[in-house]
Every structure is written in C-alpha cells, then in structure tokens.
Amino acid sequence: MLNSTTVSTGMLAAEYAGLSLPLQVLRSGKGFYIGTENETGPVSRESVEYFTTAERAERALEKGTWSQRQQP
C-alpha cells in the first residue's frame, strides 16, 4: 500500500513497541529503508521496499511513494 499522504511517525513502532518515533531513512545490510530508531538502535522497518541509495529512500519518504509494512 503506497502512502498517498505524508506519514511522520512509525505505525509499527507505535503498534508493536508503544513508541511514537519519527520516520527516517536507515541502513541495513540489504540497503536503505524507511523506519524508526531510538537511542538504543533501530526499532522498526516500516517500508516494504529496500532502496539502493539513501537519496532514493529520502525521496520516497518525502513524496509518500513507499509501501507501509503491515506486520513486523
């Protein structure tokens, strides 16, 4: 499901961890993704997609052209 509106906090972080955290671009071994983190590290991967560059992930986050994962 593409996000047609700009979402600013992580749905999965809120639902499964009870945390209201801002969405941001994060990096893993598979590439860049849209997710959340706190002071201890990553909390949730919110995007279905992995992006090849941070710039592509940032653009998707800004434009709302990424797909929200429904489960962790």
N, C-alpha and C. Protein backbone atom coordinates (compact mmCIF):
# COMPACT_ATOMS: atom_id res chain seq x y z
N MET A 1 0.84 -1.18 0.00
CA MET A 1 0.00 0.00 0.00
C MET A 1 0.89 1.24 0.00
N LEU A 2 0.79 2.04 -1.04
CA LEU A 2 1.55 3.28 -1.10
C LEU A 2 0.94 4.30 -0.16
N ASN A 3 1.80 5.12 0.41
CA ASN A 3 1.34 6.17 1.32
C ASN A 3 1.05 7.42 0.50
N SER A 4 -0.22 7.71 0.30
CA SER A 4 -0.58 8.88 -0.50
C SER A 4 -0.47 10.17 0.30
N THR A 5 -0.46 10.06 1.60
CA THR A 5 -0.25 11.23 2.44
C THR A 5 1.06 11.04 3.19
N THR A 6 1.65 12.12 3.58
CA THR A 6 2.91 12.04 4.29
C THR A 6 2.67 11.60 5.73
N VAL A 7 3.27 10.50 6.08
CA VAL A 7 3.18 9.97 7.44
C VAL A 7 4.47 10.36 8.14
N SER A 8 4.37 10.82 9.37
CA SER A 8 5.58 11.30 10.03
C SER A 8 6.09 10.40 11.14
N THR A 9 5.25 9.47 11.62
CA THR A 9 5.70 8.57 12.68
C THR A 9 5.47 7.12 12.27
N GLY A 10 6.22 6.23 12.87
CA GLY A 10 6.15 4.83 12.51
C GLY A 10 4.93 4.11 13.05
N MET A 11 4.14 3.54 12.16
CA MET A 11 2.95 2.80 12.54
C MET A 11 3.31 1.54 13.32
N LEU A 12 4.29 0.78 12.84
CA LEU A 12 4.67 -0.46 13.51
C LEU A 12 5.35 -0.19 14.84
N ALA A 13 6.14 0.87 14.91
CA ALA A 13 6.77 1.24 16.18
C ALA A 13 5.71 1.54 17.23
N ALA A 14 4.66 2.23 16.81
CA ALA A 14 3.57 2.57 17.74
C ALA A 14 2.78 1.33 18.14
N GLU A 15 2.43 0.52 17.14
CA GLU A 15 1.56 -0.64 17.40
C GLU A 15 2.26 -1.74 18.20
N TYR A 16 3.51 -2.03 17.87
CA TYR A 16 4.18 -3.18 18.48
C TYR A 16 5.14 -2.82 19.61
N ALA A 17 5.62 -1.57 19.63
CA ALA A 17 6.56 -1.17 20.68
C ALA A 17 5.99 -0.08 21.58
N GLY A 18 4.83 0.47 21.21
CA GLY A 18 4.23 1.53 22.00
C GLY A 18 5.02 2.82 21.98
N LEU A 19 5.75 3.05 20.88
CA LEU A 19 6.61 4.24 20.78
C LEU A 19 6.18 5.12 19.61
N SER A 20 6.18 6.42 19.84
CA SER A 20 5.92 7.38 18.78
C SER A 20 7.26 7.93 18.32
N LEU A 21 7.74 7.40 17.20
CA LEU A 21 9.06 7.76 16.70
C LEU A 21 8.96 8.28 15.27
N PRO A 22 9.77 9.28 14.93
CA PRO A 22 9.72 9.84 13.58
C PRO A 22 10.27 8.86 12.55
N LEU A 23 9.68 8.90 11.36
CA LEU A 23 10.20 8.11 10.25
C LEU A 23 11.50 8.73 9.77
N GLN A 24 12.42 7.87 9.39
CA GLN A 24 13.68 8.34 8.84
C GLN A 24 14.28 7.26 7.96
N VAL A 25 15.29 7.63 7.20
CA VAL A 25 15.98 6.67 6.36
C VAL A 25 17.07 6.01 7.19
N LEU A 26 17.04 4.68 7.18
CA LEU A 26 18.03 3.89 7.91
C LEU A 26 18.71 2.93 6.95
N ARG A 27 19.84 2.38 7.38
CA ARG A 27 20.60 1.47 6.51
C ARG A 27 20.75 0.12 7.16
N SER A 28 20.65 -0.92 6.34
CA SER A 28 20.92 -2.28 6.80
C SER A 28 21.78 -2.96 5.74
N GLY A 29 22.08 -4.22 5.97
CA GLY A 29 22.87 -4.97 5.00
C GLY A 29 22.18 -5.12 3.65
N LYS A 30 20.85 -4.99 3.63
CA LYS A 30 20.09 -5.14 2.39
C LYS A 30 19.92 -3.83 1.63
N GLY A 31 20.27 -2.73 2.24
CA GLY A 31 20.11 -1.43 1.61
C GLY A 31 19.51 -0.42 2.56
N PHE A 32 18.90 0.60 2.00
CA PHE A 32 18.29 1.67 2.79
C PHE A 32 16.79 1.42 2.88
N TYR A 33 16.22 1.79 4.01
CA TYR A 33 14.79 1.58 4.22
C TYR A 33 14.23 2.71 5.06
N ILE A 34 12.93 2.81 5.09
CA ILE A 34 12.24 3.79 5.91
C ILE A 34 11.82 3.09 7.19
N GLY A 35 12.24 3.65 8.30
CA GLY A 35 11.95 3.02 9.58
C GLY A 35 12.10 3.99 10.73
N THR A 36 12.21 3.43 11.92
CA THR A 36 12.36 4.24 13.12
C THR A 36 13.50 3.70 13.96
N GLU A 37 14.04 4.57 14.77
CA GLU A 37 15.05 4.16 15.74
C GLU A 37 14.95 5.06 16.96
N ASN A 38 15.50 4.56 18.07
CA ASN A 38 15.61 5.38 19.27
C ASN A 38 17.06 5.35 19.72
N GLU A 39 17.33 5.78 20.94
CA GLU A 39 18.71 5.89 21.41
C GLU A 39 19.42 4.54 21.50
N THR A 40 18.68 3.45 21.51
CA THR A 40 19.32 2.13 21.60
C THR A 40 19.51 1.47 20.25
N GLY A 41 18.94 2.05 19.19
CA GLY A 41 19.12 1.49 17.85
C GLY A 41 17.81 1.39 17.10
N PRO A 42 17.80 0.64 15.98
CA PRO A 42 16.59 0.50 15.17
C PRO A 42 15.44 -0.12 15.95
N VAL A 43 14.23 0.40 15.71
CA VAL A 43 13.02 -0.12 16.35
C VAL A 43 12.14 -0.83 15.33
N SER A 44 11.93 -0.21 14.17
CA SER A 44 11.04 -0.83 13.18
C SER A 44 11.49 -0.52 11.76
N ARG A 45 11.26 -1.50 10.88
CA ARG A 45 11.36 -1.25 9.44
C ARG A 45 9.94 -1.07 8.97
N GLU A 46 9.61 0.13 8.56
CA GLU A 46 8.25 0.47 8.17
C GLU A 46 8.00 0.24 6.68
N SER A 47 9.01 0.40 5.85
CA SER A 47 8.81 0.25 4.41
C SER A 47 8.97 -1.19 3.97
N VAL A 48 8.13 -1.57 3.01
CA VAL A 48 8.28 -2.87 2.37
C VAL A 48 9.58 -2.87 1.56
N GLU A 49 9.82 -1.77 0.91
CA GLU A 49 10.95 -1.66 -0.02
C GLU A 49 12.28 -1.45 0.70
N TYR A 50 13.32 -1.94 0.04
CA TYR A 50 14.68 -1.52 0.33
C TYR A 50 15.10 -0.67 -0.87
N PHE A 51 15.84 0.39 -0.62
CA PHE A 51 16.28 1.29 -1.67
C PHE A 51 17.78 1.17 -1.85
N THR A 52 18.24 1.38 -3.09
CA THR A 52 19.66 1.22 -3.38
C THR A 52 20.51 2.38 -2.87
N THR A 53 19.89 3.54 -2.70
CA THR A 53 20.63 4.70 -2.19
C THR A 53 19.80 5.42 -1.13
N ALA A 54 20.49 6.15 -0.28
CA ALA A 54 19.81 6.96 0.73
C ALA A 54 18.96 8.03 0.06
N GLU A 55 19.44 8.57 -1.05
CA GLU A 55 18.72 9.62 -1.76
C GLU A 55 17.37 9.11 -2.27
N ARG A 56 17.33 7.89 -2.79
CA ARG A 56 16.07 7.33 -3.27
C ARG A 56 15.10 7.10 -2.11
N ALA A 57 15.63 6.64 -1.01
CA ALA A 57 14.78 6.43 0.17
C ALA A 57 14.25 7.76 0.69
N GLU A 58 15.09 8.78 0.73
CA GLU A 58 14.66 10.12 1.18
C GLU A 58 13.56 10.66 0.27
N ARG A 59 13.74 10.49 -1.03
CA ARG A 59 12.75 10.97 -1.99
C ARG A 59 11.41 10.25 -1.78
N ALA A 60 11.46 8.95 -1.59
CA ALA A 60 10.22 8.18 -1.35
C ALA A 60 9.54 8.64 -0.06
N LEU A 61 10.33 8.89 0.97
CA LEU A 61 9.78 9.35 2.24
C LEU A 61 9.13 10.72 2.08
N GLU A 62 9.81 11.62 1.39
CA GLU A 62 9.29 12.98 1.19
C GLU A 62 8.02 12.99 0.35
N LYS A 63 7.97 12.15 -0.68
CA LYS A 63 6.84 12.15 -1.60
C LYS A 63 5.73 11.19 -1.20
N GLY A 64 6.00 10.33 -0.22
CA GLY A 64 5.00 9.35 0.19
C GLY A 64 4.84 8.21 -0.79
N THR A 65 5.89 7.93 -1.55
CA THR A 65 5.84 6.88 -2.58
C THR A 65 6.54 5.61 -2.11
N TRP A 66 6.19 5.18 -0.91
CA TRP A 66 6.71 3.93 -0.37
C TRP A 66 5.54 3.16 0.21
N SER A 67 5.75 1.86 0.41
CA SER A 67 4.68 0.99 0.90
C SER A 67 4.89 0.65 2.36
N GLN A 68 3.84 0.82 3.15
CA GLN A 68 3.87 0.54 4.59
C GLN A 68 3.77 -0.96 4.83
N ARG A 69 4.68 -1.50 5.61
CA ARG A 69 4.56 -2.90 6.05
C ARG A 69 3.41 -2.98 7.04
N GLN A 70 2.67 -4.07 7.02
CA GLN A 70 1.54 -4.23 7.92
C GLN A 70 1.89 -5.01 9.18
N GLN A 71 2.99 -5.76 9.13
CA GLN A 71 3.46 -6.54 10.28
C GLN A 71 4.97 -6.44 10.35
N PRO A 72 5.53 -6.57 11.55
CA PRO A 72 6.99 -6.51 11.67
C PRO A 72 7.66 -7.71 11.03
